[in-house]
């Protein structure tokens, strides 16, 4: 059974969900309120590093 699915937000979570759902055979549409998909200066590597820092610092 295939579903039509709307995902609100084109962040890393929304895009990951969209990819997984599409691979599972569903029809997926992603909605994002921002006019720019990725803003200048956004980079996944620094985000990953910051998440690692928070984990290493006990979430602080």
C-alpha atoms as a PDB file:
ATOM      1  CA  UNK A   1       0.000   0.000   0.000  1.00  0.00           C
ATOM      2  CA  UNK A   2       1.338   3.422  -0.971  1.00  0.00           C
ATOM      3  CA  UNK A   3       0.483   6.734   0.708  1.00  0.00           C
ATOM      4  CA  UNK A   4       0.707  10.398  -0.303  1.00  0.00           C
ATOM      5  CA  UNK A   5       2.719  12.085   2.444  1.00  0.00           C
ATOM      6  CA  UNK A   6       3.407  15.770   3.165  1.00  0.00           C
ATOM      7  CA  UNK A   7       6.450  16.667   5.240  1.00  0.00           C
ATOM      8  CA  UNK A   8       6.642  20.100   6.828  1.00  0.00           C
ATOM      9  CA  UNK A   9      10.184  21.416   6.983  1.00  0.00           C
ATOM     10  CA  UNK A  10      13.175  20.821   4.725  1.00  0.00           C
ATOM     11  CA  UNK A  11      15.665  20.467   7.542  1.00  0.00           C
ATOM     12  CA  UNK A  12      17.907  17.456   7.823  1.00  0.00           C
ATOM     13  CA  UNK A  13      15.164  15.471   9.595  1.00  0.00           C
ATOM     14  CA  UNK A  14      12.484  16.314   7.050  1.00  0.00           C
ATOM     15  CA  UNK A  15      14.726  15.503   4.111  1.00  0.00           C
ATOM     16  CA  UNK A  16      15.877  12.249   5.697  1.00  0.00           C
ATOM     17  CA  UNK A  17      12.276  11.217   6.299  1.00  0.00           C
ATOM     18  CA  UNK A  18      11.330  12.145   2.730  1.00  0.00           C
ATOM     19  CA  UNK A  19      14.135  10.029   1.281  1.00  0.00           C
ATOM     20  CA  UNK A  20      13.262   7.025   3.446  1.00  0.00           C
ATOM     21  CA  UNK A  21       9.545   7.256   2.675  1.00  0.00           C
ATOM     22  CA  UNK A  22      10.131   7.675  -1.049  1.00  0.00           C
ATOM     23  CA  UNK A  23      12.445   4.657  -1.076  1.00  0.00           C
ATOM     24  CA  UNK A  24       9.665   2.712   0.654  1.00  0.00           C
ATOM     25  CA  UNK A  25       7.391   3.500  -2.303  1.00  0.00           C
ATOM     26  CA  UNK A  26       5.369   6.440  -1.007  1.00  0.00           C
ATOM     27  CA  UNK A  27       4.641   9.702  -2.827  1.00  0.00           C
ATOM     28  CA  UNK A  28       6.293  12.486  -0.801  1.00  0.00           C
ATOM     29  CA  UNK A  29       6.095  16.291  -0.940  1.00  0.00           C
ATOM     30  CA  UNK A  30       8.301  18.460   1.291  1.00  0.00           C
ATOM     31  CA  UNK A  31       7.084  21.949   2.260  1.00  0.00           C
ATOM     32  CA  UNK A  32       9.483  24.603   3.554  1.00  0.00           C
ATOM     33  CA  UNK A  33       8.498  28.123   4.611  1.00  0.00           C
ATOM     34  CA  UNK A  34      11.929  29.614   3.940  1.00  0.00           C
ATOM     35  CA  UNK A  35      12.438  31.063   0.485  1.00  0.00           C
ATOM     36  CA  UNK A  36      15.988  29.750   0.372  1.00  0.00           C
ATOM     37  CA  UNK A  37      16.572  26.029   0.641  1.00  0.00           C
ATOM     38  CA  UNK A  38      20.014  26.310   2.201  1.00  0.00           C
ATOM     39  CA  UNK A  39      21.206  29.680   3.408  1.00  0.00           C
ATOM     40  CA  UNK A  40      24.719  30.800   2.838  1.00  0.00           C
ATOM     41  CA  UNK A  41      27.077  29.686   5.620  1.00  0.00           C
ATOM     42  CA  UNK A  42      25.017  26.599   6.516  1.00  0.00           C
ATOM     43  CA  UNK A  43      27.129  23.506   6.552  1.00  0.00           C
ATOM     44  CA  UNK A  44      26.378  20.083   7.995  1.00  0.00           C
ATOM     45  CA  UNK A  45      29.943  19.519   9.237  1.00  0.00           C
ATOM     46  CA  UNK A  46      29.920  22.329  11.843  1.00  0.00           C
ATOM     47  CA  UNK A  47      26.466  21.171  12.989  1.00  0.00           C
ATOM     48  CA  UNK A  48      27.786  17.652  13.477  1.00  0.00           C
ATOM     49  CA  UNK A  49      30.759  19.017  15.400  1.00  0.00           C
ATOM     50  CA  UNK A  50      28.512  21.140  17.646  1.00  0.00           C
ATOM     51  CA  UNK A  51      26.291  18.145  18.396  1.00  0.00           C
ATOM     52  CA  UNK A  52      29.392  16.157  19.356  1.00  0.00           C
ATOM     53  CA  UNK A  53      30.531  18.979  21.641  1.00  0.00           C
ATOM     54  CA  UNK A  54      27.159  19.064  23.405  1.00  0.00           C
ATOM     55  CA  UNK A  55      27.214  15.305  23.939  1.00  0.00           C
ATOM     56  CA  UNK A  56      30.778  15.416  25.250  1.00  0.00           C
ATOM     57  CA  UNK A  57      29.835  18.271  27.619  1.00  0.00           C
ATOM     58  CA  UNK A  58      26.843  16.445  29.085  1.00  0.00           C
ATOM     59  CA  UNK A  59      24.320  18.378  26.965  1.00  0.00           C
ATOM     60  CA  UNK A  60      25.457  21.812  28.146  1.00  0.00           C
END
